[in-house]
Amino acid sequence: MPTAAQLTDPVAEHGEGPVWDGDGGRLLAVDLEQGDLLVVSPGGEVAKHHVGDALACVRPRSGGGWVVAARRRFALFDGVDALLAGREEPRMLTPLWDDERLRFNEGGCDPWGRFWCGSMAYAGNDLSGRAVGVMWRLDVDGSARAVLEGLTVSNGLQWAPGAQRAHFVDTETGRVDLLHVTETGEVLDREPWVDVAATTSDVGGHVGARGQGRPDGLVLDGEGGVWVALNGAGAVARYDADGRLTEVVAVPVPGVTACTLGGTGDGDDGTRGGAVLYATTSTQGVDLDAHPSSGAVFSLPVDVSALPPLPFGG
């Protein structure tokens, strides 16, 4: 089993939402409940900028800049470097709900330029573990609407370019599902695709108990494969386009939250093959004496190509 190497110091309480910034040649991620944007260089140096009381997901915009999901609303900004230098702050859009027990968690953009992000209840309150999450869609005109309800821990979500279906994780189901979506952004069907718990019953990373990983964030590669973070197992699993488990990468801490593919830092942008797998990790619920590297970003060169992240069109 290949093992991802530690790329950064522990930099997040709950790292999430990694995405490759092809123009900047760097990785972006978030420290979700601290509300910090993390900017990771190929050498592992990290710059932070505090955005709000939570920051769940960041994706590029087609005209330049970035869209983010904060705690209860979407926001836009024009430049990472301007944000880090204090020359810009995100433009916050209207909050989408009032209940402070809920927050955004993870999302992605569809091939038509819309940004989707799902919500969940904060751990530890009376809604935790209940199906109160909602998938929200931000359209290119800045309007937002709920498109799928009854979710518990809305997690990894990605379309392939030109596809009318997305791979999607609601962690509590233990599955990766397919969301069949129209060009106008309506969800037609939700179809179970892979039972992660069943297919990884023998999987345990360096630190995780076998079969105890729960599907978290995911990323698609250029060969049609789907990489899924196994939170609790210290691993990332890859499935081929037909849903067969083809590879497992060990991560030396248990709380593996999300993954993405990007450039190598050796002059290759990752889209031509030989990409790097990046994994974010969490300190939450982890014995930090036993796993002091929790909260770091880990990486591993892999023999697949990366898909550039689909951008938001607004």
Protein backbone atom coordinates (compact mmCIF):
# COMPACT_ATOMS: atom_id res chain seq x y z
CA MET A 1 0.00 0.00 0.00
CA PRO A 2 1.58 3.36 -1.00
CA THR A 3 1.78 5.95 1.74
CA ALA A 4 1.25 9.70 1.43
CA ALA A 5 4.00 11.90 2.85
CA GLN A 6 3.48 14.85 5.17
CA LEU A 7 3.68 18.04 3.07
CA THR A 8 2.95 20.72 5.70
CA ASP A 9 3.12 21.21 9.41
CA PRO A 10 -0.20 20.67 11.23
CA VAL A 11 -1.99 23.80 9.97
CA ALA A 12 -5.69 23.16 10.54
CA GLU A 13 -8.04 22.08 13.27
CA HIS A 14 -10.27 20.58 10.58
CA GLY A 15 -8.70 20.78 7.12
CA GLU A 16 -11.14 20.43 4.23
CA GLY A 17 -12.02 21.41 0.67
CA PRO A 18 -8.66 21.15 -1.17
CA VAL A 19 -8.56 22.41 -4.77
CA TRP A 20 -5.64 22.95 -7.12
CA ASP A 21 -4.98 26.54 -8.24
CA GLY A 22 -3.54 25.95 -11.69
CA ASP A 23 -2.76 29.60 -12.37
CA GLY A 24 -0.95 30.01 -9.07
CA GLY A 25 0.66 26.56 -9.07
CA ARG A 26 -0.47 25.91 -5.50
CA LEU A 27 -3.08 24.20 -3.39
CA LEU A 28 -5.98 25.97 -1.72
CA ALA A 29 -7.84 24.43 1.23
CA VAL A 30 -9.76 25.55 4.30
CA ASP A 31 -9.65 25.19 8.07
CA LEU A 32 -13.39 24.75 8.12
CA GLU A 33 -14.64 25.67 11.58
CA GLN A 34 -11.91 28.27 12.11
CA GLY A 35 -13.01 30.01 8.90
CA ASP A 36 -9.50 30.24 7.43
CA LEU A 37 -8.40 29.98 3.81
CA LEU A 38 -5.13 28.00 3.51
CA VAL A 39 -2.73 28.62 0.62
CA VAL A 40 -0.15 25.82 0.30
CA SER A 41 2.94 26.17 -1.87
CA PRO A 42 4.52 23.12 -3.59
CA GLY A 43 7.23 23.17 -0.92
CA GLY A 44 4.69 22.95 1.90
CA GLU A 45 4.74 26.55 3.14
CA VAL A 46 1.29 27.75 4.21
CA ALA A 47 -0.28 31.21 4.28
CA LYS A 48 -3.62 31.80 6.02
CA HIS A 49 -6.38 34.36 5.75
CA HIS A 50 -9.36 34.46 8.11
CA VAL A 51 -12.62 34.79 6.16
CA GLY A 52 -15.41 34.19 8.69
CA ASP A 53 -16.67 31.96 11.47
CA ALA A 54 -16.68 29.00 9.06
CA LEU A 55 -15.36 28.37 5.56
CA ALA A 56 -16.39 25.16 3.86
CA CYS A 57 -15.39 25.13 0.22
CA VAL A 58 -13.52 27.20 -2.40
CA ARG A 59 -13.67 26.93 -6.20
CA PRO A 60 -12.36 29.05 -9.10
CA ARG A 61 -14.46 31.46 -11.16
CA SER A 62 -14.31 31.32 -14.94
CA GLY A 63 -13.53 35.04 -15.26
CA GLY A 64 -10.86 34.96 -12.56
CA GLY A 65 -11.21 34.96 -8.81
CA TRP A 66 -12.90 32.50 -6.49
CA VAL A 67 -16.26 31.54 -5.02
CA VAL A 68 -16.52 30.23 -1.45
CA ALA A 69 -19.16 28.76 0.80
CA ALA A 70 -18.91 30.34 4.24
CA ARG A 71 -21.07 29.34 7.18
CA ARG A 72 -24.55 30.19 5.88
CA ARG A 73 -23.87 32.02 2.64
CA PHE A 74 -21.84 32.18 -0.53
CA ALA A 75 -19.14 34.77 -1.15
CA LEU A 76 -16.89 35.95 -3.99
CA PHE A 77 -13.39 37.39 -4.16
CA ASP A 78 -11.09 38.34 -7.01
CA GLY A 79 -7.59 37.33 -5.99
CA VAL A 80 -5.87 35.04 -3.52
CA ASP A 81 -2.81 37.26 -3.23
CA ALA A 82 -4.92 40.38 -2.70
CA LEU A 83 -6.81 38.55 0.03
CA LEU A 84 -3.59 37.48 1.76
CA ALA A 85 -2.20 41.00 1.55
CA GLY A 86 -5.33 42.55 3.05
CA ARG A 87 -6.19 44.48 -0.12
CA GLU A 88 -9.50 42.66 -0.56
CA GLU A 89 -12.17 40.97 1.52
CA PRO A 90 -14.76 38.51 0.17
CA ARG A 91 -18.09 39.98 -0.93
CA MET A 92 -20.62 38.12 1.18
CA LEU A 93 -23.98 37.26 -0.38
CA THR A 94 -27.28 37.01 1.49
CA PRO A 95 -27.48 34.33 4.24
CA LEU A 96 -29.57 31.36 3.11
CA TRP A 97 -30.95 30.25 6.48
CA ASP A 98 -31.25 31.53 10.05
CA ASP A 99 -30.55 28.40 12.09
CA GLU A 100 -27.00 28.72 13.46
CA ARG A 101 -26.91 25.00 14.25
CA LEU A 102 -26.31 24.37 10.52
CA ARG A 103 -23.33 25.16 8.28
CA PHE A 104 -22.12 24.53 4.76
CA ASN A 105 -19.77 21.58 4.36
CA GLU A 106 -18.60 20.66 0.84
CA GLY A 107 -19.42 21.30 -2.80
CA GLY A 108 -18.34 21.80 -6.40
CA CYS A 109 -19.28 23.34 -9.73
CA ASP A 110 -21.31 21.76 -12.52
CA PRO A 111 -20.38 21.91 -16.25
CA TRP A 112 -22.79 24.83 -16.78
CA GLY A 113 -21.03 27.10 -14.32
CA ARG A 114 -23.23 26.74 -11.23
CA PHE A 115 -21.74 26.24 -7.74
CA TRP A 116 -23.36 23.59 -5.54
CA CYS A 117 -22.73 23.14 -1.82
CA GLY A 118 -24.47 21.05 0.82
CA SER A 119 -25.16 21.80 4.46
CA MET A 120 -25.11 19.78 7.69
CA ALA A 121 -25.61 20.25 11.41
CA TYR A 122 -22.66 21.16 13.59
CA ALA A 123 -21.53 18.19 15.67
CA GLY A 124 -22.79 18.15 19.23
CA ASN A 125 -26.09 19.98 18.89
CA ASP A 126 -29.56 18.48 18.93
CA LEU A 127 -29.72 18.32 15.09
CA SER A 128 -26.45 16.41 14.73
CA GLY A 129 -26.91 13.14 12.87
CA ARG A 130 -30.35 14.11 11.57
CA ALA A 131 -31.26 14.49 7.91
CA VAL A 132 -31.54 18.29 8.03
CA GLY A 133 -28.90 19.03 5.39
CA VAL A 134 -29.78 20.72 2.10
CA MET A 135 -27.95 20.97 -1.23
CA TRP A 136 -27.90 24.58 -2.40
CA ARG A 137 -27.20 25.78 -5.94
CA LEU A 138 -25.69 29.20 -6.66
CA ASP A 139 -26.54 30.28 -10.20
CA VAL A 140 -24.36 32.53 -12.32
CA ASP A 141 -26.71 35.49 -11.73
CA GLY A 142 -26.03 35.29 -7.98
CA SER A 143 -29.38 33.78 -7.01
CA ALA A 144 -29.42 30.64 -4.85
CA ARG A 145 -31.99 27.91 -4.31
CA ALA A 146 -32.33 24.60 -2.48
CA VAL A 147 -32.30 21.64 -4.89
CA LEU A 148 -32.02 18.52 -2.70
CA GLU A 149 -33.16 18.00 0.90
CA GLY A 150 -32.95 15.21 3.47
CA LEU A 151 -29.13 15.06 3.64
CA THR A 152 -27.18 14.32 6.81
CA VAL A 153 -23.48 15.10 6.23
CA SER A 154 -23.36 16.47 2.68
CA ASN A 155 -19.83 15.86 1.49
CA GLY A 156 -17.74 15.23 -1.64
CA LEU A 157 -19.33 16.38 -4.92
CA GLN A 158 -17.83 16.50 -8.41
CA TRP A 159 -18.91 16.46 -12.03
CA ALA A 160 -16.68 15.37 -14.89
CA PRO A 161 -16.52 17.93 -17.72
CA GLY A 162 -19.65 17.68 -19.88
CA ALA A 163 -21.31 15.12 -17.62
CA GLN A 164 -24.94 15.32 -16.52
CA ARG A 165 -24.24 13.34 -13.39
CA ALA A 166 -22.14 14.05 -10.32
CA HIS A 167 -20.47 11.72 -7.84
CA PHE A 168 -21.74 12.63 -4.38
CA VAL A 169 -21.18 11.51 -0.79
CA ASP A 170 -23.65 11.86 2.07
CA THR A 171 -21.32 10.40 4.67
CA GLU A 172 -23.98 8.80 6.86
CA THR A 173 -25.08 6.52 3.98
CA GLY A 174 -21.60 4.96 3.69
CA ARG A 175 -21.89 5.29 -0.10
CA VAL A 176 -20.88 7.25 -3.13
CA ASP A 177 -24.03 8.10 -5.10
CA LEU A 178 -24.68 9.48 -8.58
CA LEU A 179 -26.77 12.64 -8.86
CA HIS A 180 -28.42 12.83 -12.28
CA VAL A 181 -28.88 16.50 -13.11
CA THR A 182 -30.50 18.39 -16.01
CA GLU A 183 -28.80 21.20 -17.91
CA THR A 184 -31.10 23.60 -16.06
CA GLY A 185 -29.80 22.37 -12.71
CA GLU A 186 -32.61 20.15 -11.48
CA VAL A 187 -31.82 16.88 -9.70
CA LEU A 188 -33.64 14.09 -11.55
CA ASP A 189 -32.42 11.10 -9.56
CA ARG A 190 -30.02 9.97 -6.86
CA GLU A 191 -28.58 6.53 -7.61
CA PRO A 192 -26.36 4.45 -5.29
CA TRP A 193 -23.01 3.81 -7.03
CA VAL A 194 -20.51 2.29 -4.57
CA ASP A 195 -21.03 0.93 -1.06
CA VAL A 196 -17.79 2.21 0.42
CA ALA A 197 -18.19 0.36 3.72
CA ALA A 198 -18.56 -2.97 1.91
CA THR A 199 -15.76 -2.48 -0.60
CA THR A 200 -13.25 -1.27 2.00
CA SER A 201 -14.05 -3.79 4.73
CA ASP A 202 -10.43 -4.99 4.65
CA VAL A 203 -8.90 -1.54 4.32
CA GLY A 204 -6.92 0.05 7.11
CA GLY A 205 -4.19 2.62 6.68
CA HIS A 206 -1.21 2.90 8.99
CA VAL A 207 -3.49 4.07 11.77
CA GLY A 208 -7.10 3.27 10.95
CA ALA A 209 -9.04 0.23 12.03
CA ARG A 210 -10.04 -2.03 9.17
CA GLY A 211 -13.46 -1.29 7.74
CA GLN A 212 -14.02 1.77 9.90
CA GLY A 213 -13.38 4.48 7.31
CA ARG A 214 -16.34 6.65 6.39
CA PRO A 215 -16.55 8.27 2.93
CA ASP A 216 -15.79 11.98 3.10
CA GLY A 217 -14.48 14.24 0.31
CA LEU A 218 -13.75 12.97 -3.20
CA VAL A 219 -12.07 13.91 -6.48
CA LEU A 220 -12.28 12.53 -10.04
CA ASP A 221 -9.21 11.87 -12.17
CA GLY A 222 -8.72 12.11 -15.93
CA GLU A 223 -9.09 8.35 -16.40
CA GLY A 224 -12.58 8.28 -14.90
CA GLY A 225 -11.43 7.17 -11.46
CA VAL A 226 -12.91 8.45 -8.21
CA TRP A 227 -10.68 8.98 -5.16
CA VAL A 228 -12.54 8.97 -1.81
CA ALA A 229 -11.15 10.07 1.56
CA LEU A 230 -11.81 7.41 4.23
CA ASN A 231 -12.20 9.37 7.44
CA GLY A 232 -11.24 7.22 10.41
CA ALA A 233 -9.28 4.68 8.35
CA GLY A 234 -6.24 6.82 7.57
CA ALA A 235 -6.61 6.16 3.86
CA VAL A 236 -7.83 7.31 0.44
CA ALA A 237 -9.47 4.74 -1.84
CA ARG A 238 -9.65 4.90 -5.66
CA TYR A 239 -12.46 3.34 -7.69
CA ASP A 240 -12.42 2.99 -11.46
CA ALA A 241 -15.25 4.23 -13.69
CA ASP A 242 -17.17 1.00 -13.10
CA GLY A 243 -16.96 1.31 -9.31
CA ARG A 244 -14.24 -1.30 -8.75
CA LEU A 245 -11.73 -0.62 -5.98
CA THR A 246 -8.34 -0.30 -7.69
CA GLU A 247 -6.01 1.35 -5.18
CA VAL A 248 -5.71 2.38 -1.56
CA VAL A 249 -3.30 5.06 -0.34
CA ALA A 250 -2.40 5.09 3.35
CA VAL A 251 -2.29 8.40 5.21
CA PRO A 252 -0.38 8.40 8.55
CA VAL A 253 -3.22 10.00 10.56
CA PRO A 254 -6.80 8.78 10.98
CA GLY A 255 -8.84 11.90 10.22
CA VAL A 256 -8.57 12.06 6.43
CA THR A 257 -11.24 14.54 5.36
CA ALA A 258 -10.87 15.28 1.65
CA CYS A 259 -8.58 14.88 -1.36
CA THR A 260 -7.78 16.47 -4.69
CA LEU A 261 -5.35 16.06 -7.59
CA GLY A 262 -3.03 18.74 -8.88
CA GLY A 263 0.41 19.63 -10.16
CA THR A 264 3.62 17.96 -9.12
CA GLY A 265 5.70 21.03 -8.28
CA ASP A 266 8.25 19.75 -10.84
CA GLY A 267 7.08 21.73 -13.85
CA ASP A 268 4.04 19.57 -14.63
CA ASP A 269 0.62 21.10 -14.11
CA GLY A 270 -0.87 17.68 -13.32
CA THR A 271 -3.33 17.68 -16.22
CA ARG A 272 -1.00 15.73 -18.55
CA GLY A 273 -0.43 12.83 -16.18
CA GLY A 274 1.70 12.23 -13.16
CA ALA A 275 -0.41 14.34 -10.85
CA VAL A 276 -0.09 14.62 -7.08
CA LEU A 277 -2.79 13.39 -4.73
CA TYR A 278 -3.31 15.85 -1.85
CA ALA A 279 -5.22 14.94 1.32
CA THR A 280 -6.41 17.25 4.10
CA THR A 281 -6.77 15.99 7.66
CA SER A 282 -8.47 16.86 10.94
CA THR A 283 -7.60 16.97 14.61
CA GLN A 284 -11.22 16.54 15.71
CA GLY A 285 -11.79 13.34 17.67
CA VAL A 286 -8.15 12.32 17.25
CA ASP A 287 -5.63 11.35 19.93
CA LEU A 288 -3.04 14.02 19.18
CA ASP A 289 -0.43 12.41 21.42
CA ALA A 290 -0.59 9.34 19.20
CA HIS A 291 -1.04 11.29 15.94
CA PRO A 292 0.66 14.67 16.31
CA SER A 293 0.70 15.26 12.52
CA SER A 294 -3.09 15.48 12.41
CA GLY A 295 -4.20 18.71 10.75
CA ALA A 296 -1.38 18.59 8.19
CA VAL A 297 -1.73 18.24 4.42
CA PHE A 298 -0.30 15.01 2.94
CA SER A 299 0.70 14.29 -0.66
CA LEU A 300 1.68 11.46 -2.98
CA PRO A 301 2.61 11.42 -6.72
CA VAL A 302 0.18 9.16 -8.59
CA ASP A 303 0.05 7.75 -12.13
CA VAL A 304 -3.15 9.46 -13.25
CA SER A 305 -3.95 12.85 -14.73
CA ALA A 306 -5.80 15.58 -12.88
CA LEU A 307 -8.98 17.23 -14.10
CA PRO A 308 -8.88 21.02 -13.72
CA PRO A 309 -11.65 22.04 -11.30
CA LEU A 310 -14.82 23.18 -13.03
CA PRO A 311 -15.29 26.91 -12.48
CA PHE A 312 -18.20 29.03 -11.28
CA GLY A 313 -19.52 31.20 -14.10
CA GLY A 314 -20.61 34.18 -12.00
